[in-house]
């Protein structure tokens, strides 16, 4: 499934992926979201 779907996932998706994590998300935010002052954290309750 990873071989089939991984190449199609969004570059902004960092969860549950090889070589992706909270840290890679933060690096992407620092490098690309330069004009943003606020971030709102959200969570899907009981997603799984």
ModelCIF file with pLDDT and N, C-alpha, C, O atoms, coordinates in Angstrom:
data_MODEL
#
_entry.id   MODEL 
#
_entity.id                         1 
_entity.type                       polymer 
_entity.pdbx_number_of_molecules   1 
#
_entity_poly.entity_id                      1 
_entity_poly.type                           'polypeptide(L)' 
_entity_poly.nstd_linkage                   no 
_entity_poly.nstd_monomer                   no 
_entity_poly.pdbx_seq_one_letter_code       
;(UNK)(UNK)(UNK)(UNK)(UNK)(UNK)(UNK)(UNK)(UNK)(UNK)(UNK)(UNK)(UNK)(UNK)(UNK)(UNK)
(UNK)(UNK)(UNK)(UNK)(UNK)(UNK)(UNK)(UNK)(UNK)(UNK)(UNK)(UNK)(UNK)(UNK)(UNK)(UNK)
(UNK)(UNK)(UNK)(UNK)(UNK)(UNK)(UNK)(UNK)(UNK)(UNK)(UNK)(UNK)(UNK)(UNK)(UNK)(UNK)
;
_entity_poly.pdbx_seq_one_letter_code_can   XXXXXXXXXXXXXXXXXXXXXXXXXXXXXXXXXXXXXXXXXXXXXXXX 
_entity_poly.pdbx_strand_id                 A 
#
loop_
_entity_poly_seq.entity_id 
_entity_poly_seq.num 
_entity_poly_seq.mon_id 
_entity_poly_seq.hetero 
1 1  UNK n 
1 2  UNK n 
1 3  UNK n 
1 4  UNK n 
1 5  UNK n 
1 6  UNK n 
1 7  UNK n 
1 8  UNK n 
1 9  UNK n 
1 10 UNK n 
1 11 UNK n 
1 12 UNK n 
1 13 UNK n 
1 14 UNK n 
1 15 UNK n 
1 16 UNK n 
1 17 UNK n 
1 18 UNK n 
1 19 UNK n 
1 20 UNK n 
1 21 UNK n 
1 22 UNK n 
1 23 UNK n 
1 24 UNK n 
1 25 UNK n 
1 26 UNK n 
1 27 UNK n 
1 28 UNK n 
1 29 UNK n 
1 30 UNK n 
1 31 UNK n 
1 32 UNK n 
1 33 UNK n 
1 34 UNK n 
1 35 UNK n 
1 36 UNK n 
1 37 UNK n 
1 38 UNK n 
1 39 UNK n 
1 40 UNK n 
1 41 UNK n 
1 42 UNK n 
1 43 UNK n 
1 44 UNK n 
1 45 UNK n 
1 46 UNK n 
1 47 UNK n 
1 48 UNK n 
#
_struct_asym.id          A 
_struct_asym.entity_id   1 
#
loop_
_ma_qa_metric.id 
_ma_qa_metric.mode 
_ma_qa_metric.name 
_ma_qa_metric.software_group_id 
_ma_qa_metric.type 
1 global pLDDT . pLDDT 
2 local  pLDDT . pLDDT 
#
_ma_qa_metric_global.metric_id      1 
_ma_qa_metric_global.metric_value   91.54 
_ma_qa_metric_global.model_id       1 
_ma_qa_metric_global.ordinal_id     1 
#
loop_
_ma_qa_metric_local.label_asym_id 
_ma_qa_metric_local.label_comp_id 
_ma_qa_metric_local.label_seq_id 
_ma_qa_metric_local.metric_id 
_ma_qa_metric_local.metric_value 
_ma_qa_metric_local.model_id 
_ma_qa_metric_local.ordinal_id 
A UNK 1  2 98.00 1 1  
A UNK 2  2 97.00 1 2  
A UNK 3  2 97.00 1 3  
A UNK 4  2 97.00 1 4  
A UNK 5  2 97.00 1 5  
A UNK 6  2 96.00 1 6  
A UNK 7  2 94.00 1 7  
A UNK 8  2 94.00 1 8  
A UNK 9  2 96.00 1 9  
A UNK 10 2 95.00 1 10 
A UNK 11 2 94.00 1 11 
A UNK 12 2 94.00 1 12 
A UNK 13 2 95.00 1 13 
A UNK 14 2 95.00 1 14 
A UNK 15 2 92.00 1 15 
A UNK 16 2 92.00 1 16 
A UNK 17 2 94.00 1 17 
A UNK 18 2 91.00 1 18 
A UNK 19 2 93.00 1 19 
A UNK 20 2 95.00 1 20 
A UNK 21 2 95.00 1 21 
A UNK 22 2 92.00 1 22 
A UNK 23 2 96.00 1 23 
A UNK 24 2 97.00 1 24 
A UNK 25 2 93.00 1 25 
A UNK 26 2 92.00 1 26 
A UNK 27 2 95.00 1 27 
A UNK 28 2 94.00 1 28 
A UNK 29 2 91.00 1 29 
A UNK 30 2 90.00 1 30 
A UNK 31 2 92.00 1 31 
A UNK 32 2 91.00 1 32 
A UNK 33 2 89.00 1 33 
A UNK 34 2 87.00 1 34 
A UNK 35 2 87.00 1 35 
A UNK 36 2 86.00 1 36 
A UNK 37 2 86.00 1 37 
A UNK 38 2 88.00 1 38 
A UNK 39 2 85.00 1 39 
A UNK 40 2 88.00 1 40 
A UNK 41 2 86.00 1 41 
A UNK 42 2 88.00 1 42 
A UNK 43 2 85.00 1 43 
A UNK 44 2 86.00 1 44 
A UNK 45 2 83.00 1 45 
A UNK 46 2 82.00 1 46 
A UNK 47 2 87.00 1 47 
A UNK 48 2 87.00 1 48 
#
loop_
_atom_site.group_PDB 
_atom_site.id 
_atom_site.type_symbol 
_atom_site.label_atom_id 
_atom_site.label_alt_id 
_atom_site.label_comp_id 
_atom_site.label_asym_id 
_atom_site.label_entity_id 
_atom_site.label_seq_id 
_atom_site.pdbx_PDB_ins_code 
_atom_site.Cartn_x 
_atom_site.Cartn_y 
_atom_site.Cartn_z 
_atom_site.occupancy 
_atom_site.B_iso_or_equiv 
_atom_site.pdbx_formal_charge 
_atom_site.auth_seq_id 
_atom_site.auth_comp_id 
_atom_site.auth_asym_id 
_atom_site.auth_atom_id 
_atom_site.pdbx_PDB_model_num 
ATOM 1   N N  . UNK A 1 1  ? 0.826   -1.209 0.000  1.00 98.00 ? 1  UNK A N  1 
ATOM 2   C CA . UNK A 1 1  ? 0.000   0.000  0.000  1.00 98.00 ? 1  UNK A CA 1 
ATOM 3   C C  . UNK A 1 1  ? 0.860   1.259  0.000  1.00 98.00 ? 1  UNK A C  1 
ATOM 4   O O  . UNK A 1 1  ? 0.529   2.246  -0.656 1.00 98.00 ? 1  UNK A O  1 
ATOM 5   N N  . UNK A 1 2  ? 1.961   1.217  0.736  1.00 97.00 ? 2  UNK A N  1 
ATOM 6   C CA . UNK A 1 2  ? 2.865   2.371  0.769  1.00 97.00 ? 2  UNK A CA 1 
ATOM 7   C C  . UNK A 1 2  ? 3.465   2.632  -0.611 1.00 97.00 ? 2  UNK A C  1 
ATOM 8   O O  . UNK A 1 2  ? 3.570   3.780  -1.042 1.00 97.00 ? 2  UNK A O  1 
ATOM 9   N N  . UNK A 1 3  ? 3.861   1.554  -1.306 1.00 97.00 ? 3  UNK A N  1 
ATOM 10  C CA . UNK A 1 3  ? 4.433   1.705  -2.649 1.00 97.00 ? 3  UNK A CA 1 
ATOM 11  C C  . UNK A 1 3  ? 3.422   2.331  -3.605 1.00 97.00 ? 3  UNK A C  1 
ATOM 12  O O  . UNK A 1 3  ? 3.787   3.122  -4.474 1.00 97.00 ? 3  UNK A O  1 
ATOM 13  N N  . UNK A 1 4  ? 2.150   1.971  -3.439 1.00 97.00 ? 4  UNK A N  1 
ATOM 14  C CA . UNK A 1 4  ? 1.090   2.459  -4.333 1.00 97.00 ? 4  UNK A CA 1 
ATOM 15  C C  . UNK A 1 4  ? 0.701   3.906  -4.022 1.00 97.00 ? 4  UNK A C  1 
ATOM 16  O O  . UNK A 1 4  ? 0.515   4.712  -4.934 1.00 97.00 ? 4  UNK A O  1 
ATOM 17  N N  . UNK A 1 5  ? 0.579   4.232  -2.731 1.00 97.00 ? 5  UNK A N  1 
ATOM 18  C CA . UNK A 1 5  ? -0.012  5.518  -2.353 1.00 97.00 ? 5  UNK A CA 1 
ATOM 19  C C  . UNK A 1 5  ? 0.984   6.595  -1.954 1.00 97.00 ? 5  UNK A C  1 
ATOM 20  O O  . UNK A 1 5  ? 0.703   7.781  -2.126 1.00 97.00 ? 5  UNK A O  1 
ATOM 21  N N  . UNK A 1 6  ? 2.140   6.214  -1.425 1.00 96.00 ? 6  UNK A N  1 
ATOM 22  C CA . UNK A 1 6  ? 3.099   7.209  -0.944 1.00 96.00 ? 6  UNK A CA 1 
ATOM 23  C C  . UNK A 1 6  ? 3.450   8.268  -1.999 1.00 96.00 ? 6  UNK A C  1 
ATOM 24  O O  . UNK A 1 6  ? 3.504   9.454  -1.673 1.00 96.00 ? 6  UNK A O  1 
ATOM 25  N N  . UNK A 1 7  ? 3.691   7.864  -3.266 1.00 94.00 ? 7  UNK A N  1 
ATOM 26  C CA . UNK A 1 7  ? 4.047   8.885  -4.267 1.00 94.00 ? 7  UNK A CA 1 
ATOM 27  C C  . UNK A 1 7  ? 2.937   9.897  -4.553 1.00 94.00 ? 7  UNK A C  1 
ATOM 28  O O  . UNK A 1 7  ? 3.193   10.943 -5.149 1.00 94.00 ? 7  UNK A O  1 
ATOM 29  N N  . UNK A 1 8  ? 1.707   9.592  -4.134 1.00 94.00 ? 8  UNK A N  1 
ATOM 30  C CA . UNK A 1 8  ? 0.576   10.477 -4.438 1.00 94.00 ? 8  UNK A CA 1 
ATOM 31  C C  . UNK A 1 8  ? 0.183   11.360 -3.257 1.00 94.00 ? 8  UNK A C  1 
ATOM 32  O O  . UNK A 1 8  ? -0.665  12.239 -3.410 1.00 94.00 ? 8  UNK A O  1 
ATOM 33  N N  . UNK A 1 9  ? 0.777   11.148 -2.087 1.00 96.00 ? 9  UNK A N  1 
ATOM 34  C CA . UNK A 1 9  ? 0.410   11.936 -0.914 1.00 96.00 ? 9  UNK A CA 1 
ATOM 35  C C  . UNK A 1 9  ? 0.924   13.370 -1.033 1.00 96.00 ? 9  UNK A C  1 
ATOM 36  O O  . UNK A 1 9  ? 1.918   13.636 -1.709 1.00 96.00 ? 9  UNK A O  1 
ATOM 37  N N  . UNK A 1 10 ? 0.234   14.277 -0.369 1.00 95.00 ? 10 UNK A N  1 
ATOM 38  C CA . UNK A 1 10 ? 0.587   15.691 -0.407 1.00 95.00 ? 10 UNK A CA 1 
ATOM 39  C C  . UNK A 1 10 ? 1.944   15.953 0.246  1.00 95.00 ? 10 UNK A C  1 
ATOM 40  O O  . UNK A 1 10 ? 2.323   15.291 1.212  1.00 95.00 ? 10 UNK A O  1 
ATOM 41  N N  . UNK A 1 11 ? 2.663   16.926 -0.299 1.00 94.00 ? 11 UNK A N  1 
ATOM 42  C CA . UNK A 1 11 ? 3.951   17.308 0.291  1.00 94.00 ? 11 UNK A CA 1 
ATOM 43  C C  . UNK A 1 11 ? 3.757   17.966 1.663  1.00 94.00 ? 11 UNK A C  1 
ATOM 44  O O  . UNK A 1 11 ? 4.710   18.110 2.428  1.00 94.00 ? 11 UNK A O  1 
ATOM 45  N N  . UNK A 1 12 ? 2.520   18.363 1.964  1.00 94.00 ? 12 UNK A N  1 
ATOM 46  C CA . UNK A 1 12 ? 2.229   18.996 3.253  1.00 94.00 ? 12 UNK A CA 1 
ATOM 47  C C  . UNK A 1 12 ? 1.745   17.991 4.298  1.00 94.00 ? 12 UNK A C  1 
ATOM 48  O O  . UNK A 1 12 ? 1.374   18.371 5.408  1.00 94.00 ? 12 UNK A O  1 
ATOM 49  N N  . UNK A 1 13 ? 1.751   16.712 3.935  1.00 95.00 ? 13 UNK A N  1 
ATOM 50  C CA . UNK A 1 13 ? 1.320   15.649 4.848  1.00 95.00 ? 13 UNK A CA 1 
ATOM 51  C C  . UNK A 1 13 ? 2.548   15.053 5.535  1.00 95.00 ? 13 UNK A C  1 
ATOM 52  O O  . UNK A 1 13 ? 3.439   14.519 4.874  1.00 95.00 ? 13 UNK A O  1 
ATOM 53  N N  . UNK A 1 14 ? 2.588   15.149 6.865  1.00 95.00 ? 14 UNK A N  1 
ATOM 54  C CA . UNK A 1 14 ? 3.783   14.705 7.600  1.00 95.00 ? 14 UNK A CA 1 
ATOM 55  C C  . UNK A 1 14 ? 3.497   13.584 8.601  1.00 95.00 ? 14 UNK A C  1 
ATOM 56  O O  . UNK A 1 14 ? 4.420   13.098 9.253  1.00 95.00 ? 14 UNK A O  1 
ATOM 57  N N  . UNK A 1 15 ? 2.247   13.170 8.733  1.00 92.00 ? 15 UNK A N  1 
ATOM 58  C CA . UNK A 1 15 ? 1.899   12.165 9.732  1.00 92.00 ? 15 UNK A CA 1 
ATOM 59  C C  . UNK A 1 15 ? 2.005   10.741 9.224  1.00 92.00 ? 15 UNK A C  1 
ATOM 60  O O  . UNK A 1 15 ? 1.580   10.436 8.110  1.00 92.00 ? 15 UNK A O  1 
ATOM 61  N N  . UNK A 1 16 ? 2.573   9.872  10.047 1.00 92.00 ? 16 UNK A N  1 
ATOM 62  C CA . UNK A 1 16 ? 2.630   8.425  9.761  1.00 92.00 ? 16 UNK A CA 1 
ATOM 63  C C  . UNK A 1 16 ? 3.300   8.111  8.427  1.00 92.00 ? 16 UNK A C  1 
ATOM 64  O O  . UNK A 1 16 ? 2.871   7.210  7.706  1.00 92.00 ? 16 UNK A O  1 
ATOM 65  N N  . UNK A 1 17 ? 4.345   8.853  8.105  1.00 94.00 ? 17 UNK A N  1 
ATOM 66  C CA . UNK A 1 17 ? 5.046   8.614  6.844  1.00 94.00 ? 17 UNK A CA 1 
ATOM 67  C C  . UNK A 1 17 ? 6.542   8.499  7.089  1.00 94.00 ? 17 UNK A C  1 
ATOM 68  O O  . UNK A 1 17 ? 7.099   9.176  7.952  1.00 94.00 ? 17 UNK A O  1 
ATOM 69  N N  . UNK A 1 18 ? 7.181   7.632  6.316  1.00 91.00 ? 18 UNK A N  1 
ATOM 70  C CA . UNK A 1 18 ? 8.631   7.445  6.396  1.00 91.00 ? 18 UNK A CA 1 
ATOM 71  C C  . UNK A 1 18 ? 9.332   8.783  6.144  1.00 91.00 ? 18 UNK A C  1 
ATOM 72  O O  . UNK A 1 18 ? 8.987   9.513  5.215  1.00 91.00 ? 18 UNK A O  1 
ATOM 73  N N  . UNK A 1 19 ? 10.314  9.089  6.983  1.00 93.00 ? 19 UNK A N  1 
ATOM 74  C CA . UNK A 1 19 ? 11.103  10.320 6.865  1.00 93.00 ? 19 UNK A CA 1 
ATOM 75  C C  . UNK A 1 19 ? 10.252  11.580 7.027  1.00 93.00 ? 19 UNK A C  1 
ATOM 76  O O  . UNK A 1 19 ? 10.650  12.655 6.578  1.00 93.00 ? 19 UNK A O  1 
ATOM 77  N N  . UNK A 1 20 ? 9.094   11.460 7.657  1.00 95.00 ? 20 UNK A N  1 
ATOM 78  C CA . UNK A 1 20 ? 8.255   12.618 7.973  1.00 95.00 ? 20 UNK A CA 1 
ATOM 79  C C  . UNK A 1 20 ? 7.926   12.581 9.466  1.00 95.00 ? 20 UNK A C  1 
ATOM 80  O O  . UNK A 1 20 ? 7.831   11.513 10.070 1.00 95.00 ? 20 UNK A O  1 
ATOM 81  N N  . UNK A 1 21 ? 7.755   13.758 10.041 1.00 95.00 ? 21 UNK A N  1 
ATOM 82  C CA . UNK A 1 21 ? 7.471   13.829 11.477 1.00 95.00 ? 21 UNK A CA 1 
ATOM 83  C C  . UNK A 1 21 ? 7.029   15.243 11.817 1.00 95.00 ? 21 UNK A C  1 
ATOM 84  O O  . UNK A 1 21 ? 6.898   16.092 10.935 1.00 95.00 ? 21 UNK A O  1 
ATOM 85  N N  . UNK A 1 22 ? 6.803   15.488 13.092 1.00 92.00 ? 22 UNK A N  1 
ATOM 86  C CA . UNK A 1 22 ? 6.513   16.860 13.554 1.00 92.00 ? 22 UNK A CA 1 
ATOM 87  C C  . UNK A 1 22 ? 7.661   17.792 13.180 1.00 92.00 ? 22 UNK A C  1 
ATOM 88  O O  . UNK A 1 22 ? 7.443   18.960 12.858 1.00 92.00 ? 22 UNK A O  1 
ATOM 89  N N  . UNK A 1 23 ? 8.879   17.272 13.224 1.00 96.00 ? 23 UNK A N  1 
ATOM 90  C CA . UNK A 1 23 ? 10.058  18.100 12.944 1.00 96.00 ? 23 UNK A CA 1 
ATOM 91  C C  . UNK A 1 23 ? 10.107  18.534 11.481 1.00 96.00 ? 23 UNK A C  1 
ATOM 92  O O  . UNK A 1 23 ? 10.423  19.686 11.184 1.00 96.00 ? 23 UNK A O  1 
ATOM 93  N N  . UNK A 1 24 ? 9.794   17.612 10.566 1.00 97.00 ? 24 UNK A N  1 
ATOM 94  C CA . UNK A 1 24 ? 9.799   18.000 9.147  1.00 97.00 ? 24 UNK A CA 1 
ATOM 95  C C  . UNK A 1 24 ? 8.674   18.991 8.864  1.00 97.00 ? 24 UNK A C  1 
ATOM 96  O O  . UNK A 1 24 ? 8.816   19.872 8.015  1.00 97.00 ? 24 UNK A O  1 
ATOM 97  N N  . UNK A 1 25 ? 7.552   18.847 9.579  1.00 93.00 ? 25 UNK A N  1 
ATOM 98  C CA . UNK A 1 25 ? 6.451   19.802 9.420  1.00 93.00 ? 25 UNK A CA 1 
ATOM 99  C C  . UNK A 1 25 ? 6.896   21.195 9.881  1.00 93.00 ? 25 UNK A C  1 
ATOM 100 O O  . UNK A 1 25 ? 6.605   22.192 9.222  1.00 93.00 ? 25 UNK A O  1 
ATOM 101 N N  . UNK A 1 26 ? 7.597   21.256 11.008 1.00 92.00 ? 26 UNK A N  1 
ATOM 102 C CA . UNK A 1 26 ? 8.067   22.547 11.541 1.00 92.00 ? 26 UNK A CA 1 
ATOM 103 C C  . UNK A 1 26 ? 9.090   23.195 10.609 1.00 92.00 ? 26 UNK A C  1 
ATOM 104 O O  . UNK A 1 26 ? 9.079   24.412 10.420 1.00 92.00 ? 26 UNK A O  1 
ATOM 105 N N  . UNK A 1 27 ? 9.973   22.381 10.028 1.00 95.00 ? 27 UNK A N  1 
ATOM 106 C CA . UNK A 1 27 ? 10.959  22.908 9.076  1.00 95.00 ? 27 UNK A CA 1 
ATOM 107 C C  . UNK A 1 27 ? 10.247  23.492 7.858  1.00 95.00 ? 27 UNK A C  1 
ATOM 108 O O  . UNK A 1 27 ? 10.615  24.558 7.364  1.00 95.00 ? 27 UNK A O  1 
ATOM 109 N N  . UNK A 1 28 ? 9.223   22.782 7.379  1.00 94.00 ? 28 UNK A N  1 
ATOM 110 C CA . UNK A 1 28 ? 8.472   23.275 6.221  1.00 94.00 ? 28 UNK A CA 1 
ATOM 111 C C  . UNK A 1 28 ? 7.741   24.576 6.544  1.00 94.00 ? 28 UNK A C  1 
ATOM 112 O O  . UNK A 1 28 ? 7.700   25.499 5.731  1.00 94.00 ? 28 UNK A O  1 
ATOM 113 N N  . UNK A 1 29 ? 7.173   24.632 7.733  1.00 91.00 ? 29 UNK A N  1 
ATOM 114 C CA . UNK A 1 29 ? 6.486   25.862 8.159  1.00 91.00 ? 29 UNK A CA 1 
ATOM 115 C C  . UNK A 1 29 ? 7.475   27.035 8.223  1.00 91.00 ? 29 UNK A C  1 
ATOM 116 O O  . UNK A 1 29 ? 7.181   28.129 7.741  1.00 91.00 ? 29 UNK A O  1 
ATOM 117 N N  . UNK A 1 30 ? 8.636   26.798 8.817  1.00 90.00 ? 30 UNK A N  1 
ATOM 118 C CA . UNK A 1 30 ? 9.649   27.862 8.961  1.00 90.00 ? 30 UNK A CA 1 
ATOM 119 C C  . UNK A 1 30 ? 10.115  28.373 7.594  1.00 90.00 ? 30 UNK A C  1 
ATOM 120 O O  . UNK A 1 30 ? 10.357  29.567 7.422  1.00 90.00 ? 30 UNK A O  1 
ATOM 121 N N  . UNK A 1 31 ? 10.239  27.466 6.634  1.00 92.00 ? 31 UNK A N  1 
ATOM 122 C CA . UNK A 1 31 ? 10.791  27.831 5.330  1.00 92.00 ? 31 UNK A CA 1 
ATOM 123 C C  . UNK A 1 31 ? 9.762   28.387 4.343  1.00 92.00 ? 31 UNK A C  1 
ATOM 124 O O  . UNK A 1 31 ? 10.120  29.138 3.436  1.00 92.00 ? 31 UNK A O  1 
ATOM 125 N N  . UNK A 1 32 ? 8.496   28.027 4.513  1.00 91.00 ? 32 UNK A N  1 
ATOM 126 C CA . UNK A 1 32 ? 7.509   28.405 3.487  1.00 91.00 ? 32 UNK A CA 1 
ATOM 127 C C  . UNK A 1 32 ? 6.367   29.289 3.977  1.00 91.00 ? 32 UNK A C  1 
ATOM 128 O O  . UNK A 1 32 ? 5.764   30.011 3.183  1.00 91.00 ? 32 UNK A O  1 
ATOM 129 N N  . UNK A 1 33 ? 6.063   29.243 5.270  1.00 89.00 ? 33 UNK A N  1 
ATOM 130 C CA . UNK A 1 33 ? 4.944   30.043 5.792  1.00 89.00 ? 33 UNK A CA 1 
ATOM 131 C C  . UNK A 1 33 ? 5.474   31.349 6.390  1.00 89.00 ? 33 UNK A C  1 
ATOM 132 O O  . UNK A 1 33 ? 5.171   31.689 7.534  1.00 89.00 ? 33 UNK A O  1 
ATOM 133 N N  . UNK A 1 34 ? 6.264   32.067 5.604  1.00 87.00 ? 34 UNK A N  1 
ATOM 134 C CA . UNK A 1 34 ? 6.985   33.228 6.152  1.00 87.00 ? 34 UNK A CA 1 
ATOM 135 C C  . UNK A 1 34 ? 6.088   34.419 6.458  1.00 87.00 ? 34 UNK A C  1 
ATOM 136 O O  . UNK A 1 34 ? 6.463   35.264 7.271  1.00 87.00 ? 34 UNK A O  1 
ATOM 137 N N  . UNK A 1 35 ? 4.901   34.518 5.829  1.00 87.00 ? 35 UNK A N  1 
ATOM 138 C CA . UNK A 1 35 ? 4.037   35.676 6.063  1.00 87.00 ? 35 UNK A CA 1 
ATOM 139 C C  . UNK A 1 35 ? 2.936   35.410 7.070  1.00 87.00 ? 35 UNK A C  1 
ATOM 140 O O  . UNK A 1 35 ? 1.996   36.197 7.186  1.00 87.00 ? 35 UNK A O  1 
ATOM 141 N N  . UNK A 1 36 ? 3.042   34.303 7.802  1.00 86.00 ? 36 UNK A N  1 
ATOM 142 C CA . UNK A 1 36 ? 1.970   33.888 8.724  1.00 86.00 ? 36 UNK A CA 1 
ATOM 143 C C  . UNK A 1 36 ? 2.366   34.203 10.164 1.00 86.00 ? 36 UNK A C  1 
ATOM 144 O O  . UNK A 1 36 ? 3.491   33.932 10.584 1.00 86.00 ? 36 UNK A O  1 
ATOM 145 N N  . UNK A 1 37 ? 1.429   34.778 10.914 1.00 86.00 ? 37 UNK A N  1 
ATOM 146 C CA . UNK A 1 37 ? 1.694   35.108 12.317 1.00 86.00 ? 37 UNK A CA 1 
ATOM 147 C C  . UNK A 1 37 ? 1.050   34.127 13.295 1.00 86.00 ? 37 UNK A C  1 
ATOM 148 O O  . UNK A 1 37 ? 1.533   33.928 14.410 1.00 86.00 ? 37 UNK A O  1 
ATOM 149 N N  . UNK A 1 38 ? -0.071  33.507 12.842 1.00 88.00 ? 38 UNK A N  1 
ATOM 150 C CA . UNK A 1 38 ? -0.830  32.648 13.746 1.00 88.00 ? 38 UNK A CA 1 
ATOM 151 C C  . UNK A 1 38 ? -1.042  31.261 13.129 1.00 88.00 ? 38 UNK A C  1 
ATOM 152 O O  . UNK A 1 38 ? -1.224  31.122 11.919 1.00 88.00 ? 38 UNK A O  1 
ATOM 153 N N  . UNK A 1 39 ? -1.013  30.252 13.981 1.00 85.00 ? 39 UNK A N  1 
ATOM 154 C CA . UNK A 1 39 ? -1.376  28.896 13.577 1.00 85.00 ? 39 UNK A CA 1 
ATOM 155 C C  . UNK A 1 39 ? -2.414  28.372 14.562 1.00 85.00 ? 39 UNK A C  1 
ATOM 156 O O  . UNK A 1 39 ? -2.300  28.584 15.769 1.00 85.00 ? 39 UNK A O  1 
ATOM 157 N N  . UNK A 1 40 ? -3.413  27.696 14.041 1.00 88.00 ? 40 UNK A N  1 
ATOM 158 C CA . UNK A 1 40 ? -4.457  27.126 14.896 1.00 88.00 ? 40 UNK A CA 1 
ATOM 159 C C  . UNK A 1 40 ? -4.325  25.601 14.865 1.00 88.00 ? 40 UNK A C  1 
ATOM 160 O O  . UNK A 1 40 ? -4.384  24.981 13.803 1.00 88.00 ? 40 UNK A O  1 
ATOM 161 N N  . UNK A 1 41 ? -4.148  25.024 16.025 1.00 86.00 ? 41 UNK A N  1 
ATOM 162 C CA . UNK A 1 41 ? -4.020  23.572 16.117 1.00 86.00 ? 41 UNK A CA 1 
ATOM 163 C C  . UNK A 1 41 ? -5.408  22.940 16.135 1.00 86.00 ? 41 UNK A C  1 
ATOM 164 O O  . UNK A 1 41 ? -6.307  23.418 16.826 1.00 86.00 ? 41 UNK A O  1 
ATOM 165 N N  . UNK A 1 42 ? -5.573  21.880 15.383 1.00 88.00 ? 42 UNK A N  1 
ATOM 166 C CA . UNK A 1 42 ? -6.850  21.161 15.376 1.00 88.00 ? 42 UNK A CA 1 
ATOM 167 C C  . UNK A 1 42 ? -6.616  19.666 15.481 1.00 88.00 ? 42 UNK A C  1 
ATOM 168 O O  . UNK A 1 42 ? -5.516  19.182 15.214 1.00 88.00 ? 42 UNK A O  1 
ATOM 169 N N  . UNK A 1 43 ? -7.629  18.952 15.860 1.00 85.00 ? 43 UNK A N  1 
ATOM 170 C CA . UNK A 1 43 ? -7.505  17.498 16.006 1.00 85.00 ? 43 UNK A CA 1 
ATOM 171 C C  . UNK A 1 43 ? -8.838  16.847 15.646 1.00 85.00 ? 43 UNK A C  1 
ATOM 172 O O  . UNK A 1 43 ? -9.899  17.340 16.027 1.00 85.00 ? 43 UNK A O  1 
ATOM 173 N N  . UNK A 1 44 ? -8.780  15.751 14.919 1.00 86.00 ? 44 UNK A N  1 
ATOM 174 C CA . UNK A 1 44 ? -10.003 14.995 14.624 1.00 86.00 ? 44 UNK A CA 1 
ATOM 175 C C  . UNK A 1 44 ? -10.207 14.008 15.765 1.00 86.00 ? 44 UNK A C  1 
ATOM 176 O O  . UNK A 1 44 ? -9.411  13.086 15.947 1.00 86.00 ? 44 UNK A O  1 
ATOM 177 N N  . UNK A 1 45 ? -11.264 14.200 16.525 1.00 83.00 ? 45 UNK A N  1 
ATOM 178 C CA . UNK A 1 45 ? -11.508 13.390 17.712 1.00 83.00 ? 45 UNK A CA 1 
ATOM 179 C C  . UNK A 1 45 ? -11.754 11.927 17.333 1.00 83.00 ? 45 UNK A C  1 
ATOM 180 O O  . UNK A 1 45 ? -12.633 11.629 16.523 1.00 83.00 ? 45 UNK A O  1 
ATOM 181 N N  . UNK A 1 46 ? -10.979 11.025 17.919 1.00 82.00 ? 46 UNK A N  1 
ATOM 182 C CA . UNK A 1 46 ? -11.170 9.594  17.686 1.00 82.00 ? 46 UNK A CA 1 
ATOM 183 C C  . UNK A 1 46 ? -11.086 9.207  16.216 1.00 82.00 ? 46 UNK A C  1 
ATOM 184 O O  . UNK A 1 46 ? -11.865 8.381  15.741 1.00 82.00 ? 46 UNK A O  1 
ATOM 185 N N  . UNK A 1 47 ? -10.138 9.807  15.493 1.00 87.00 ? 47 UNK A N  1 
ATOM 186 C CA . UNK A 1 47 ? -10.078 9.603  14.047 1.00 87.00 ? 47 UNK A CA 1 
ATOM 187 C C  . UNK A 1 47 ? -9.958  8.133  13.669 1.00 87.00 ? 47 UNK A C  1 
ATOM 188 O O  . UNK A 1 47 ? -10.748 7.627  12.872 1.00 87.00 ? 47 UNK A O  1 
ATOM 189 N N  . UNK A 1 48 ? -8.969  7.445  14.240 1.00 87.00 ? 48 UNK A N  1 
ATOM 190 C CA . UNK A 1 48 ? -8.765  6.033  13.893 1.00 87.00 ? 48 UNK A CA 1 
ATOM 191 C C  . UNK A 1 48 ? -10.022 5.199  14.178 1.00 87.00 ? 48 UNK A C  1 
ATOM 192 O O  . UNK A 1 48 ? -10.027 3.990  13.945 1.00 87.00 ? 48 UNK A O  1 
#
